[in-house]
N, C-alpha and C. Protein backbone atom coordinates (compact mmCIF):
# COMPACT_ATOMS: atom_id res chain seq x y z
N MET A 1 227.82 -44.35 27.07
CA MET A 1 226.72 -45.03 27.04
C MET A 1 225.59 -44.16 27.57
N THR A 2 225.83 -43.26 28.46
CA THR A 2 224.67 -42.18 28.79
C THR A 2 224.29 -41.39 27.80
N GLU A 3 225.25 -41.14 26.66
CA GLU A 3 224.77 -40.54 25.52
C GLU A 3 223.45 -41.11 24.90
N ILE A 4 223.71 -42.27 24.65
CA ILE A 4 222.57 -43.17 23.89
C ILE A 4 221.43 -42.92 24.65
N ALA A 5 221.34 -43.13 25.85
CA ALA A 5 219.99 -42.83 26.84
C ALA A 5 219.55 -41.37 26.53
N ALA A 6 220.42 -40.46 26.38
CA ALA A 6 219.80 -39.18 26.23
C ALA A 6 219.40 -39.06 24.79
N ASN A 7 220.14 -39.66 23.83
CA ASN A 7 219.68 -39.54 22.40
C ASN A 7 218.22 -40.20 22.22
N LEU A 8 218.03 -41.07 23.03
CA LEU A 8 216.65 -41.91 22.70
C LEU A 8 215.60 -41.11 23.62
N THR A 9 215.85 -40.33 24.55
CA THR A 9 214.99 -39.56 25.01
C THR A 9 214.82 -38.40 24.13
N ASP A 10 215.51 -37.95 23.35
CA ASP A 10 215.45 -36.76 22.74
C ASP A 10 214.60 -37.31 21.13
N ILE A 11 214.99 -38.53 20.73
CA ILE A 11 214.22 -38.96 19.74
C ILE A 11 212.84 -39.25 19.88
N ARG A 12 212.47 -39.83 21.14
CA ARG A 12 211.11 -40.17 21.47
C ARG A 12 210.34 -38.89 21.84
N THR A 13 211.01 -37.84 22.36
CA THR A 13 210.34 -36.49 22.31
C THR A 13 209.84 -36.04 20.99
N ARG A 14 210.86 -36.09 20.17
CA ARG A 14 210.69 -35.56 18.62
C ARG A 14 209.56 -36.30 18.18
N ILE A 15 209.58 -37.57 18.25
CA ILE A 15 208.57 -38.34 17.41
C ILE A 15 207.11 -37.97 18.11
N ALA A 16 206.98 -37.64 19.31
CA ALA A 16 205.90 -37.46 20.01
C ALA A 16 205.23 -36.13 19.52
N LYS A 17 206.20 -35.07 19.53
CA LYS A 17 205.90 -33.61 18.91
C LYS A 17 205.35 -33.76 17.46
N ALA A 18 206.01 -34.58 16.77
CA ALA A 18 205.54 -34.64 15.26
C ALA A 18 204.14 -35.39 15.11
N ALA A 19 203.99 -36.46 16.22
CA ALA A 19 202.87 -36.97 16.23
C ALA A 19 201.65 -36.06 16.49
N LYS A 20 201.85 -35.45 17.48
CA LYS A 20 200.75 -34.50 17.93
C LYS A 20 200.28 -33.44 16.83
N SER A 21 201.49 -32.93 16.19
CA SER A 21 201.36 -31.84 15.23
C SER A 21 200.49 -32.50 14.23
N ALA A 22 200.83 -33.69 13.93
CA ALA A 22 199.79 -34.28 12.81
C ALA A 22 198.50 -35.11 13.18
N GLY A 23 198.29 -34.81 14.34
CA GLY A 23 196.77 -35.32 14.97
C GLY A 23 197.03 -36.80 15.11
N ARG A 24 198.18 -37.20 15.40
CA ARG A 24 198.26 -38.76 15.67
C ARG A 24 198.68 -39.00 17.07
N ASP A 25 198.34 -40.07 17.53
CA ASP A 25 198.83 -40.54 18.88
C ASP A 25 200.05 -41.10 18.84
N PRO A 26 201.01 -40.62 19.67
CA PRO A 26 202.37 -40.96 19.63
C PRO A 26 202.55 -42.43 19.76
N ALA A 27 201.60 -42.97 20.42
CA ALA A 27 201.70 -44.53 20.92
C ALA A 27 201.47 -45.39 19.64
N GLU A 28 201.03 -44.99 18.49
CA GLU A 28 200.93 -45.62 17.16
C GLU A 28 202.05 -45.67 16.59
N ILE A 29 203.14 -44.99 16.97
CA ILE A 29 204.56 -44.98 16.36
C ILE A 29 205.61 -45.94 17.10
N THR A 30 206.21 -46.84 16.42
CA THR A 30 207.28 -47.75 17.05
C THR A 30 208.67 -47.13 16.50
N LEU A 31 209.74 -46.74 17.33
CA LEU A 31 211.03 -46.52 17.11
C LEU A 31 211.79 -47.75 17.08
N VAL A 32 212.26 -47.84 15.94
CA VAL A 32 213.22 -49.20 15.60
C VAL A 32 214.58 -48.52 15.59
N ALA A 33 215.28 -48.94 16.86
CA ALA A 33 216.71 -48.47 17.12
C ALA A 33 217.64 -49.52 16.26
N VAL A 34 218.44 -48.93 15.03
CA VAL A 34 219.13 -49.68 14.35
C VAL A 34 220.47 -49.74 14.60
N GLY A 35 220.84 -50.93 15.01
CA GLY A 35 222.34 -51.08 15.60
C GLY A 35 223.33 -51.53 14.71
N LYS A 36 222.95 -51.47 13.50
CA LYS A 36 223.99 -51.97 12.46
C LYS A 36 225.53 -51.28 12.80
N THR A 37 226.37 -52.21 12.82
CA THR A 37 227.79 -52.04 12.89
C THR A 37 228.29 -51.70 14.49
N PHE A 38 227.22 -51.70 15.33
CA PHE A 38 227.52 -51.47 16.58
C PHE A 38 227.24 -52.77 17.52
N GLY A 39 227.99 -52.84 18.71
CA GLY A 39 227.96 -54.36 19.36
C GLY A 39 227.02 -54.17 20.52
N PRO A 40 227.07 -55.44 21.35
CA PRO A 40 226.19 -55.49 22.34
C PRO A 40 226.15 -54.68 23.33
N GLU A 41 227.31 -54.01 23.78
CA GLU A 41 227.50 -53.00 24.66
C GLU A 41 226.47 -51.83 24.42
N GLU A 42 226.51 -51.50 23.29
CA GLU A 42 225.73 -50.30 22.82
C GLU A 42 224.22 -50.92 22.78
N MET A 43 223.92 -51.88 22.39
CA MET A 43 222.51 -52.31 22.40
C MET A 43 222.11 -52.36 24.02
N ARG A 44 222.85 -52.84 24.76
CA ARG A 44 222.76 -53.10 26.31
C ARG A 44 222.32 -51.71 26.63
N ALA A 45 222.88 -50.74 26.40
CA ALA A 45 222.81 -49.23 26.86
C ALA A 45 221.37 -48.83 26.60
N ALA A 46 221.14 -49.21 25.22
CA ALA A 46 219.70 -48.80 24.91
C ALA A 46 218.55 -49.59 25.65
N ILE A 47 218.95 -50.75 25.92
CA ILE A 47 217.97 -51.62 26.41
C ILE A 47 217.85 -51.08 28.10
N ASP A 48 218.91 -50.72 28.50
CA ASP A 48 218.72 -50.18 29.82
C ASP A 48 217.95 -48.85 30.01
N ALA A 49 217.88 -47.88 28.88
CA ALA A 49 217.14 -46.84 28.67
C ALA A 49 215.74 -47.21 28.31
N GLY A 50 215.41 -48.35 28.15
CA GLY A 50 214.00 -48.82 27.96
C GLY A 50 213.67 -49.14 26.56
N GLN A 51 214.63 -49.06 25.70
CA GLN A 51 214.36 -49.38 24.06
C GLN A 51 214.14 -50.86 24.21
N ARG A 52 213.10 -51.36 23.45
CA ARG A 52 212.76 -52.65 23.19
C ARG A 52 212.79 -53.37 21.70
N VAL A 53 212.67 -52.31 20.84
CA VAL A 53 212.40 -52.54 19.48
C VAL A 53 213.80 -52.31 18.55
N PHE A 54 214.43 -53.20 18.13
CA PHE A 54 215.88 -52.98 17.30
C PHE A 54 215.61 -53.33 15.93
N GLY A 55 216.44 -52.78 15.29
CA GLY A 55 216.74 -53.24 13.77
C GLY A 55 218.15 -53.61 13.23
N GLU A 56 218.13 -54.41 12.24
CA GLU A 56 219.55 -54.84 11.94
C GLU A 56 219.59 -55.01 10.41
N ASN A 57 220.70 -54.87 9.63
CA ASN A 57 220.59 -54.78 8.39
C ASN A 57 221.12 -56.14 7.85
N ARG A 58 221.75 -56.90 8.58
CA ARG A 58 222.17 -58.21 7.87
C ARG A 58 221.98 -59.46 8.79
N VAL A 59 221.49 -60.30 8.41
CA VAL A 59 221.31 -61.80 9.14
C VAL A 59 222.42 -61.84 10.01
N GLN A 60 223.46 -62.20 9.13
CA GLN A 60 224.93 -62.87 10.04
C GLN A 60 225.28 -61.76 11.11
N GLU A 61 225.30 -60.58 10.96
CA GLU A 61 225.56 -59.60 12.12
C GLU A 61 224.70 -59.67 13.24
N ALA A 62 223.33 -59.81 12.88
CA ALA A 62 222.23 -60.19 14.12
C ALA A 62 222.59 -61.25 14.78
N GLN A 63 222.90 -62.31 13.94
CA GLN A 63 223.27 -63.86 14.74
C GLN A 63 224.31 -63.77 15.68
N GLY A 64 225.30 -62.88 15.40
CA GLY A 64 226.42 -62.76 16.39
C GLY A 64 226.12 -61.80 17.68
N LYS A 65 224.96 -61.25 17.58
CA LYS A 65 224.79 -60.04 18.63
C LYS A 65 223.54 -60.38 19.42
N TRP A 66 222.44 -60.86 18.74
CA TRP A 66 221.08 -60.75 19.53
C TRP A 66 220.55 -62.09 20.20
N PRO A 67 221.07 -63.29 19.79
CA PRO A 67 220.37 -64.22 20.54
C PRO A 67 220.62 -64.28 21.94
N ALA A 68 221.86 -63.96 22.48
CA ALA A 68 222.18 -63.97 23.74
C ALA A 68 221.19 -62.93 24.54
N LEU A 69 221.26 -61.76 23.88
CA LEU A 69 220.29 -60.52 24.40
C LEU A 69 218.94 -60.87 24.44
N LYS A 70 218.53 -61.59 23.37
CA LYS A 70 216.97 -62.07 23.25
C LYS A 70 216.60 -62.84 24.47
N ALA A 71 217.62 -63.87 24.74
CA ALA A 71 217.50 -64.83 25.78
C ALA A 71 217.39 -64.15 27.20
N GLU A 72 218.05 -63.32 27.28
CA GLU A 72 218.32 -62.25 28.55
C GLU A 72 216.92 -61.39 28.67
N PHE A 73 216.64 -60.91 27.67
CA PHE A 73 215.45 -60.01 27.62
C PHE A 73 214.40 -60.50 26.62
N PRO A 74 213.60 -61.28 27.02
CA PRO A 74 212.54 -62.05 26.15
C PRO A 74 211.63 -61.21 25.62
N ASP A 75 211.42 -59.86 25.97
CA ASP A 75 210.43 -58.71 25.60
C ASP A 75 211.09 -57.91 24.30
N LEU A 76 212.29 -58.33 24.20
CA LEU A 76 212.79 -57.48 22.94
C LEU A 76 212.13 -58.04 21.49
N GLU A 77 212.30 -57.04 20.57
CA GLU A 77 211.58 -57.36 19.15
C GLU A 77 212.70 -56.77 18.11
N LEU A 78 213.00 -57.77 17.40
CA LEU A 78 214.11 -57.54 16.32
C LEU A 78 213.55 -57.53 15.01
N HIS A 79 213.89 -56.48 14.38
CA HIS A 79 213.52 -56.29 12.77
C HIS A 79 214.49 -56.33 11.98
N LEU A 80 214.40 -56.95 10.59
CA LEU A 80 215.29 -57.08 9.60
C LEU A 80 214.98 -55.96 8.75
N ILE A 81 216.01 -54.75 8.55
CA ILE A 81 215.47 -53.80 7.60
C ILE A 81 216.54 -53.79 6.47
N GLY A 82 217.32 -54.62 6.21
CA GLY A 82 218.24 -54.83 5.19
C GLY A 82 217.89 -55.92 4.25
N PRO A 83 218.34 -55.95 3.05
CA PRO A 83 218.17 -56.97 2.03
C PRO A 83 218.24 -58.28 2.53
N LEU A 84 217.51 -59.34 2.10
CA LEU A 84 217.54 -60.86 2.75
C LEU A 84 217.65 -61.66 1.51
N GLN A 85 218.76 -62.40 1.54
CA GLN A 85 219.05 -63.30 0.56
C GLN A 85 218.28 -64.44 0.63
N SER A 86 217.71 -65.22 -0.22
CA SER A 86 216.95 -66.21 -0.21
C SER A 86 217.55 -67.41 0.67
N ASN A 87 218.75 -67.55 0.56
CA ASN A 87 219.30 -68.48 1.25
C ASN A 87 219.70 -68.39 2.90
N LYS A 88 219.33 -67.07 3.20
CA LYS A 88 219.21 -66.70 4.45
C LYS A 88 217.94 -66.55 5.09
N ALA A 89 217.02 -67.06 4.30
CA ALA A 89 215.47 -66.81 4.72
C ALA A 89 215.15 -67.65 6.15
N LYS A 90 215.71 -68.98 6.08
CA LYS A 90 215.43 -69.74 7.30
C LYS A 90 215.90 -69.10 8.55
N ASP A 91 217.28 -68.63 8.36
CA ASP A 91 218.25 -68.01 9.49
C ASP A 91 217.27 -66.99 9.92
N ALA A 92 216.75 -65.98 8.91
CA ALA A 92 215.97 -64.64 9.15
C ALA A 92 214.60 -64.90 10.20
N VAL A 93 213.98 -66.03 9.62
CA VAL A 93 212.80 -66.35 10.29
C VAL A 93 213.07 -66.90 11.69
N GLU A 94 214.11 -67.66 11.90
CA GLU A 94 214.25 -68.00 13.45
C GLU A 94 214.72 -66.87 14.18
N LEU A 95 215.19 -65.77 13.70
CA LEU A 95 215.72 -64.83 14.55
C LEU A 95 215.05 -63.47 14.91
N PHE A 96 214.40 -62.91 13.73
CA PHE A 96 213.55 -61.85 13.46
C PHE A 96 212.04 -61.92 13.77
N ASP A 97 211.58 -60.89 14.53
CA ASP A 97 210.23 -60.57 14.60
C ASP A 97 209.42 -60.10 13.59
N VAL A 98 210.03 -59.27 12.63
CA VAL A 98 209.39 -58.63 11.81
C VAL A 98 210.50 -58.52 10.61
N ILE A 99 210.23 -58.77 9.30
CA ILE A 99 210.96 -58.61 8.17
C ILE A 99 210.36 -57.55 7.20
N HIS A 100 211.14 -56.40 7.07
CA HIS A 100 210.79 -55.15 6.26
C HIS A 100 211.03 -55.11 4.63
N THR A 101 211.71 -56.34 4.22
CA THR A 101 212.14 -56.09 3.02
C THR A 101 211.91 -57.29 2.03
N LEU A 102 210.68 -57.54 1.99
CA LEU A 102 210.39 -58.66 1.03
C LEU A 102 209.94 -58.06 0.00
N ASP A 103 210.85 -58.58 -1.15
CA ASP A 103 210.88 -57.74 -2.39
C ASP A 103 210.68 -58.48 -3.82
N ARG A 104 210.72 -59.89 -3.65
CA ARG A 104 210.72 -60.62 -5.00
C ARG A 104 210.09 -61.80 -4.67
N ALA A 105 209.62 -62.61 -5.71
CA ALA A 105 209.05 -63.84 -5.81
C ALA A 105 209.77 -64.84 -5.19
N SER A 106 210.98 -65.11 -5.60
CA SER A 106 212.02 -66.04 -5.07
C SER A 106 212.08 -66.00 -3.56
N LEU A 107 212.11 -64.98 -2.99
CA LEU A 107 211.95 -64.93 -1.73
C LEU A 107 210.82 -65.09 -1.14
N ALA A 108 209.60 -64.87 -1.65
CA ALA A 108 208.21 -65.12 -1.21
C ALA A 108 208.10 -66.72 -1.16
N LYS A 109 208.66 -67.28 -2.19
CA LYS A 109 208.63 -68.76 -2.35
C LYS A 109 209.23 -69.49 -1.30
N GLU A 110 210.58 -68.85 -1.01
CA GLU A 110 211.39 -69.65 0.25
C GLU A 110 210.54 -69.41 1.50
N LEU A 111 210.01 -68.22 1.69
CA LEU A 111 208.98 -68.17 3.02
C LEU A 111 207.95 -68.89 2.98
N GLN A 112 207.28 -69.14 1.77
CA GLN A 112 206.08 -70.10 1.59
C GLN A 112 206.45 -71.61 2.11
N LYS A 113 207.61 -71.97 1.71
CA LYS A 113 208.34 -73.37 1.86
C LYS A 113 208.54 -73.42 3.47
N LEU A 114 208.89 -72.37 4.12
CA LEU A 114 209.30 -72.39 5.51
C LEU A 114 207.95 -72.40 6.30
N LYS A 115 207.13 -71.93 6.03
CA LYS A 115 205.64 -71.77 6.53
C LYS A 115 204.73 -73.21 6.23
N GLU A 116 205.25 -73.93 5.17
CA GLU A 116 204.41 -75.34 4.82
C GLU A 116 205.36 -76.21 5.77
N ARG A 117 206.48 -75.91 6.27
CA ARG A 117 207.57 -76.77 7.05
C ARG A 117 206.89 -76.73 8.70
N GLY A 118 206.16 -75.70 8.72
CA GLY A 118 205.47 -75.41 10.22
C GLY A 118 206.09 -74.31 10.95
N ARG A 119 207.25 -73.67 10.06
CA ARG A 119 207.73 -72.54 10.71
C ARG A 119 206.82 -71.22 10.91
N ARG A 120 207.03 -70.67 12.22
CA ARG A 120 206.31 -69.27 12.39
C ARG A 120 207.03 -68.27 11.64
N LEU A 121 206.36 -67.49 10.66
CA LEU A 121 206.83 -66.44 10.02
C LEU A 121 206.88 -65.32 10.56
N PRO A 122 207.70 -64.47 10.51
CA PRO A 122 207.50 -63.01 11.30
C PRO A 122 206.62 -62.40 10.38
N LYS A 123 206.11 -61.10 10.93
CA LYS A 123 205.43 -60.09 10.35
C LYS A 123 206.13 -59.46 9.09
N LEU A 124 205.53 -59.53 8.14
CA LEU A 124 206.19 -59.15 6.71
C LEU A 124 205.80 -57.77 5.95
N LEU A 125 206.72 -57.11 5.62
CA LEU A 125 206.32 -55.90 4.73
C LEU A 125 207.17 -55.87 3.79
N VAL A 126 206.49 -55.54 2.59
CA VAL A 126 207.11 -55.44 1.23
C VAL A 126 208.02 -54.12 1.20
N GLN A 127 209.26 -54.13 0.60
CA GLN A 127 210.01 -52.91 0.25
C GLN A 127 209.58 -52.46 -0.78
N VAL A 128 209.33 -51.24 -1.14
CA VAL A 128 209.04 -50.43 -2.48
C VAL A 128 210.30 -49.58 -2.80
N ASN A 129 210.69 -49.46 -3.92
CA ASN A 129 211.58 -48.79 -4.40
C ASN A 129 210.90 -47.42 -5.07
N THR A 130 210.67 -46.67 -4.23
CA THR A 130 209.83 -45.39 -4.62
C THR A 130 210.52 -44.54 -5.51
N GLY A 131 211.95 -44.56 -5.46
CA GLY A 131 212.69 -43.59 -6.49
C GLY A 131 213.16 -44.33 -7.62
N ALA A 132 212.84 -45.80 -7.86
CA ALA A 132 213.24 -46.47 -8.99
C ALA A 132 214.57 -46.51 -9.27
N GLU A 133 215.46 -46.50 -8.23
CA GLU A 133 216.81 -46.68 -8.19
C GLU A 133 217.21 -48.03 -8.43
N ASP A 134 218.39 -47.88 -9.41
CA ASP A 134 218.84 -49.38 -10.03
C ASP A 134 219.74 -49.94 -8.91
N GLN A 135 220.23 -49.19 -8.22
CA GLN A 135 221.21 -50.00 -7.08
C GLN A 135 220.51 -50.12 -5.94
N LYS A 136 219.05 -50.04 -5.76
CA LYS A 136 218.42 -50.30 -4.48
C LYS A 136 217.41 -51.35 -4.79
N ALA A 137 217.22 -52.02 -3.83
CA ALA A 137 216.30 -53.22 -3.75
C ALA A 137 214.70 -52.64 -3.59
N GLY A 138 213.94 -53.50 -3.84
CA GLY A 138 212.28 -53.09 -3.58
C GLY A 138 211.68 -53.19 -4.90
N VAL A 139 210.40 -53.37 -4.80
CA VAL A 139 209.42 -53.52 -5.97
C VAL A 139 208.92 -52.09 -6.41
N LEU A 140 209.15 -51.92 -7.88
CA LEU A 140 208.57 -50.63 -8.32
C LEU A 140 207.38 -50.14 -7.79
N PRO A 141 206.99 -49.02 -7.58
CA PRO A 141 205.70 -48.80 -7.21
C PRO A 141 204.51 -49.16 -8.13
N GLU A 142 204.52 -49.17 -9.51
CA GLU A 142 203.77 -49.61 -10.26
C GLU A 142 203.33 -51.08 -10.33
N GLU A 143 204.28 -51.70 -9.74
CA GLU A 143 204.27 -53.40 -9.60
C GLU A 143 203.87 -53.81 -8.37
N THR A 144 203.68 -52.65 -7.31
CA THR A 144 203.66 -53.19 -6.04
C THR A 144 202.26 -53.97 -5.68
N GLY A 145 201.16 -53.53 -6.39
CA GLY A 145 199.80 -54.12 -6.03
C GLY A 145 199.94 -55.54 -6.75
N ALA A 146 200.52 -55.70 -7.71
CA ALA A 146 200.55 -56.97 -8.13
C ALA A 146 201.44 -58.05 -7.34
N PHE A 147 202.37 -57.62 -6.93
CA PHE A 147 203.36 -58.37 -6.14
C PHE A 147 202.73 -58.75 -4.79
N ILE A 148 202.10 -57.63 -4.04
CA ILE A 148 201.24 -58.10 -2.95
C ILE A 148 200.20 -59.23 -3.14
N LYS A 149 199.54 -59.04 -4.26
CA LYS A 149 198.44 -60.03 -4.79
C LYS A 149 198.99 -61.42 -4.77
N GLU A 150 200.26 -61.29 -5.52
CA GLU A 150 201.04 -62.69 -5.54
C GLU A 150 201.37 -63.29 -4.37
N CYS A 151 201.91 -62.41 -3.57
CA CYS A 151 202.24 -62.93 -2.02
C CYS A 151 201.08 -63.58 -1.42
N ARG A 152 200.06 -62.87 -1.42
CA ARG A 152 198.86 -63.27 -0.83
C ARG A 152 198.32 -64.54 -1.44
N GLU A 153 198.09 -64.63 -2.74
CA GLU A 153 197.19 -65.64 -3.42
C GLU A 153 198.20 -66.80 -3.85
N THR A 154 199.20 -66.58 -4.15
CA THR A 154 200.19 -67.77 -4.98
C THR A 154 200.99 -68.35 -3.70
N TYR A 155 201.50 -67.53 -2.77
CA TYR A 155 202.48 -67.82 -1.76
C TYR A 155 201.70 -67.99 -0.41
N GLY A 156 200.71 -67.47 -0.13
CA GLY A 156 199.75 -67.64 0.92
C GLY A 156 200.31 -66.81 2.13
N LEU A 157 200.99 -65.67 2.02
CA LEU A 157 201.70 -65.00 2.73
C LEU A 157 200.84 -63.81 3.29
N GLU A 158 200.78 -63.47 4.53
CA GLU A 158 200.04 -62.33 5.14
C GLU A 158 201.16 -61.15 5.01
N ILE A 159 200.58 -60.21 4.39
CA ILE A 159 201.47 -58.87 3.97
C ILE A 159 200.75 -57.82 5.16
N ALA A 160 201.75 -57.26 6.07
CA ALA A 160 201.32 -56.48 7.07
C ALA A 160 201.38 -55.04 6.64
N GLY A 161 202.42 -54.50 5.88
CA GLY A 161 202.59 -53.29 5.28
C GLY A 161 203.59 -53.22 4.30
N LEU A 162 204.23 -51.77 4.43
CA LEU A 162 205.18 -51.32 3.21
C LEU A 162 206.34 -50.76 3.83
N MET A 163 207.50 -50.66 3.13
CA MET A 163 208.68 -50.17 3.64
C MET A 163 209.34 -49.37 2.39
N CYS A 164 209.92 -48.22 2.75
CA CYS A 164 210.57 -47.62 1.70
C CYS A 164 211.90 -46.77 2.36
N ILE A 165 212.92 -46.62 1.45
CA ILE A 165 214.00 -45.90 1.71
C ILE A 165 214.29 -44.65 0.39
N PRO A 166 213.80 -43.62 0.79
CA PRO A 166 213.75 -42.60 -0.40
C PRO A 166 214.99 -42.30 -0.80
N PRO A 167 215.59 -41.94 -2.11
CA PRO A 167 216.75 -41.31 -2.61
C PRO A 167 217.49 -40.41 -1.46
N PHE A 168 218.73 -40.48 -1.05
CA PHE A 168 219.33 -39.64 -0.04
C PHE A 168 219.17 -38.26 -0.67
N ASP A 169 219.23 -37.93 -1.87
CA ASP A 169 219.24 -36.56 -2.27
C ASP A 169 218.16 -35.88 -2.66
N GLU A 170 217.18 -36.54 -2.52
CA GLU A 170 215.60 -36.09 -2.87
C GLU A 170 214.82 -35.55 -1.46
N ASN A 171 213.89 -34.85 -1.65
CA ASN A 171 212.72 -34.44 -0.59
C ASN A 171 212.21 -35.86 -0.22
N PRO A 172 212.36 -36.40 0.74
CA PRO A 172 211.68 -37.69 1.26
C PRO A 172 210.07 -37.67 1.17
N ALA A 173 209.46 -36.38 1.46
CA ALA A 173 208.18 -36.25 1.64
C ALA A 173 207.31 -36.94 0.48
N PRO A 174 207.50 -36.58 -0.73
CA PRO A 174 206.70 -37.19 -1.91
C PRO A 174 206.90 -38.82 -1.98
N HIS A 175 207.79 -39.40 -1.50
CA HIS A 175 208.12 -40.64 -1.55
C HIS A 175 207.40 -41.35 -0.29
N PHE A 176 207.19 -40.63 0.65
CA PHE A 176 206.38 -41.06 1.83
C PHE A 176 204.86 -40.99 1.72
N ALA A 177 204.59 -39.78 0.77
CA ALA A 177 203.14 -39.82 0.51
C ALA A 177 202.77 -40.77 -0.62
N LEU A 178 203.64 -41.40 -1.60
CA LEU A 178 203.64 -42.35 -2.51
C LEU A 178 203.36 -43.68 -1.76
N LEU A 179 203.99 -44.06 -0.64
CA LEU A 179 204.00 -45.19 0.21
C LEU A 179 202.58 -45.18 0.92
N GLU A 180 202.13 -44.12 1.53
CA GLU A 180 200.89 -44.11 2.04
C GLU A 180 199.68 -44.44 1.08
N LYS A 181 200.13 -43.86 -0.14
CA LYS A 181 198.96 -44.04 -1.15
C LYS A 181 198.71 -45.61 -1.53
N ILE A 182 199.89 -46.11 -1.70
CA ILE A 182 199.98 -47.56 -2.29
C ILE A 182 199.42 -48.42 -1.09
N ALA A 183 199.80 -48.13 0.02
CA ALA A 183 199.33 -48.85 1.26
C ALA A 183 197.87 -48.92 1.41
N LYS A 184 197.28 -47.64 1.26
CA LYS A 184 195.89 -47.62 1.32
C LYS A 184 195.21 -48.26 0.22
N ARG A 185 195.65 -48.36 -1.18
CA ARG A 185 195.10 -49.07 -2.30
C ARG A 185 195.03 -50.33 -1.94
N ASN A 186 195.97 -50.66 -1.29
CA ASN A 186 196.04 -52.30 -1.02
C ASN A 186 195.71 -52.98 0.40
N GLY A 187 195.08 -51.87 0.93
CA GLY A 187 194.47 -52.58 2.20
C GLY A 187 195.44 -52.76 3.51
N LEU A 188 196.50 -52.07 3.56
CA LEU A 188 197.70 -52.18 4.45
C LEU A 188 197.89 -51.11 5.49
N ALA A 189 197.97 -51.31 6.58
CA ALA A 189 197.93 -50.35 7.59
C ALA A 189 199.44 -49.91 8.15
N GLU A 190 200.49 -50.80 7.92
CA GLU A 190 201.76 -50.58 8.59
C GLU A 190 202.88 -49.98 7.53
N LEU A 191 203.19 -48.63 7.78
CA LEU A 191 204.18 -48.36 6.81
C LEU A 191 205.55 -48.13 7.84
N SER A 192 206.60 -48.51 7.10
CA SER A 192 207.99 -48.53 7.83
C SER A 192 208.70 -47.41 6.93
N MET A 193 208.95 -46.35 7.42
CA MET A 193 209.63 -45.07 6.65
C MET A 193 209.97 -44.09 7.55
N GLY A 194 211.21 -43.47 7.25
CA GLY A 194 211.78 -42.36 8.04
C GLY A 194 213.03 -42.94 8.73
N MET A 195 214.09 -42.26 8.65
CA MET A 195 215.46 -42.62 9.35
C MET A 195 215.92 -41.32 10.24
N SER A 196 217.06 -41.42 10.51
CA SER A 196 217.62 -40.34 11.28
C SER A 196 217.36 -38.94 10.99
N SER A 197 217.55 -38.72 9.70
CA SER A 197 217.41 -37.43 9.15
C SER A 197 215.89 -36.81 8.80
N ASP A 198 215.08 -37.67 8.53
CA ASP A 198 213.68 -37.48 8.22
C ASP A 198 212.39 -38.18 8.91
N PHE A 199 212.67 -38.73 10.10
CA PHE A 199 211.64 -39.55 10.77
C PHE A 199 210.51 -38.62 10.95
N GLU A 200 210.79 -37.40 11.21
CA GLU A 200 209.36 -36.43 11.79
C GLU A 200 208.63 -36.34 10.49
N SER A 201 209.22 -36.16 9.48
CA SER A 201 208.36 -36.10 8.13
C SER A 201 207.67 -37.50 7.91
N ALA A 202 208.21 -38.48 8.15
CA ALA A 202 207.63 -39.79 7.81
C ALA A 202 206.38 -39.93 8.91
N VAL A 203 206.50 -39.44 10.20
CA VAL A 203 205.55 -39.48 10.95
C VAL A 203 204.30 -38.86 10.49
N THR A 204 204.33 -37.58 9.97
CA THR A 204 203.28 -36.70 9.40
C THR A 204 202.56 -37.62 8.12
N PHE A 205 203.33 -38.64 7.71
CA PHE A 205 202.60 -39.37 6.53
C PHE A 205 202.12 -40.62 6.97
N GLY A 206 202.20 -40.95 8.11
CA GLY A 206 201.65 -42.15 8.71
C GLY A 206 202.43 -43.24 8.97
N ALA A 207 203.90 -42.94 9.44
CA ALA A 207 204.71 -44.01 9.63
C ALA A 207 204.15 -44.70 10.88
N LYS A 208 204.28 -46.16 10.76
CA LYS A 208 204.20 -46.83 12.06
C LYS A 208 205.55 -47.19 12.65
N TYR A 209 206.44 -47.58 11.78
CA TYR A 209 207.71 -47.90 12.15
C TYR A 209 208.74 -46.80 11.82
N VAL A 210 209.52 -46.08 12.54
CA VAL A 210 210.75 -44.98 12.01
C VAL A 210 211.98 -45.93 12.56
N ARG A 211 212.89 -45.99 11.68
CA ARG A 211 214.33 -46.72 11.80
C ARG A 211 215.23 -45.61 11.81
N VAL A 212 215.75 -45.53 13.32
CA VAL A 212 216.84 -44.54 13.43
C VAL A 212 218.04 -45.13 13.97
N GLY A 213 219.05 -44.96 13.56
CA GLY A 213 220.36 -45.42 13.89
C GLY A 213 221.50 -44.48 14.41
N SER A 214 221.98 -43.72 13.50
CA SER A 214 223.14 -42.85 13.77
C SER A 214 222.59 -41.81 14.92
N ALA A 215 221.40 -41.39 14.82
CA ALA A 215 220.99 -40.40 15.79
C ALA A 215 220.75 -40.85 17.18
N ILE A 216 220.83 -42.20 17.47
CA ILE A 216 220.93 -42.76 18.72
C ILE A 216 222.23 -43.06 19.01
N PHE A 217 222.93 -43.98 18.29
CA PHE A 217 223.96 -44.68 18.43
C PHE A 217 225.44 -43.79 18.01
N GLY A 218 225.27 -42.95 17.34
CA GLY A 218 226.57 -42.11 16.70
C GLY A 218 226.66 -42.22 15.44
N ALA A 219 227.77 -41.60 14.92
CA ALA A 219 228.26 -42.01 13.54
C ALA A 219 228.88 -43.41 13.13
N ARG A 220 228.50 -43.98 12.18
CA ARG A 220 229.45 -45.28 11.96
C ARG A 220 230.82 -45.15 11.49
């Protein structure tokens, strides 16, 4: 557990260094500690080390881990960074503070219904499939502008930013640059990009959220 604290210190130092090299304020960047497959004990070790923002890939896994911790630590912020099934939208809205993976009209419609029923919606980011990978979720880059407009005008959703996961076997920098370009074109300020292997590059391209799991908690 002390290794988790040491890893967090190292990641924060590297984020700060990358930010300063890019002429950015390190305070602009939020480290999202990804707890996928790890249990409450590891999350508590990170909390004890001062981490307050966490990410999960699956709604069901998060439901078994976070309600008690959030009750104990009210200042925790929980982000959904994995695909969201429309039939899990209600559960996600109840538990998460930020959803990074809005990627289709059917999900936008479910979120609209929840909003109309008086639910407080989390902050919403649109996932962009920058590599146009068949096996990966996300809106294609050339369709992102139209989808953002649809979310805003048809479904009445407020979109805060964009998220991407570059192809694992490609240089991530062009993907980060593309996401930044699409965001600027659509008046969006928040970018979720960068993971354990490439978060420093993401910082140079304007990432607000970097999603780091294995570099903090170890190999899954």
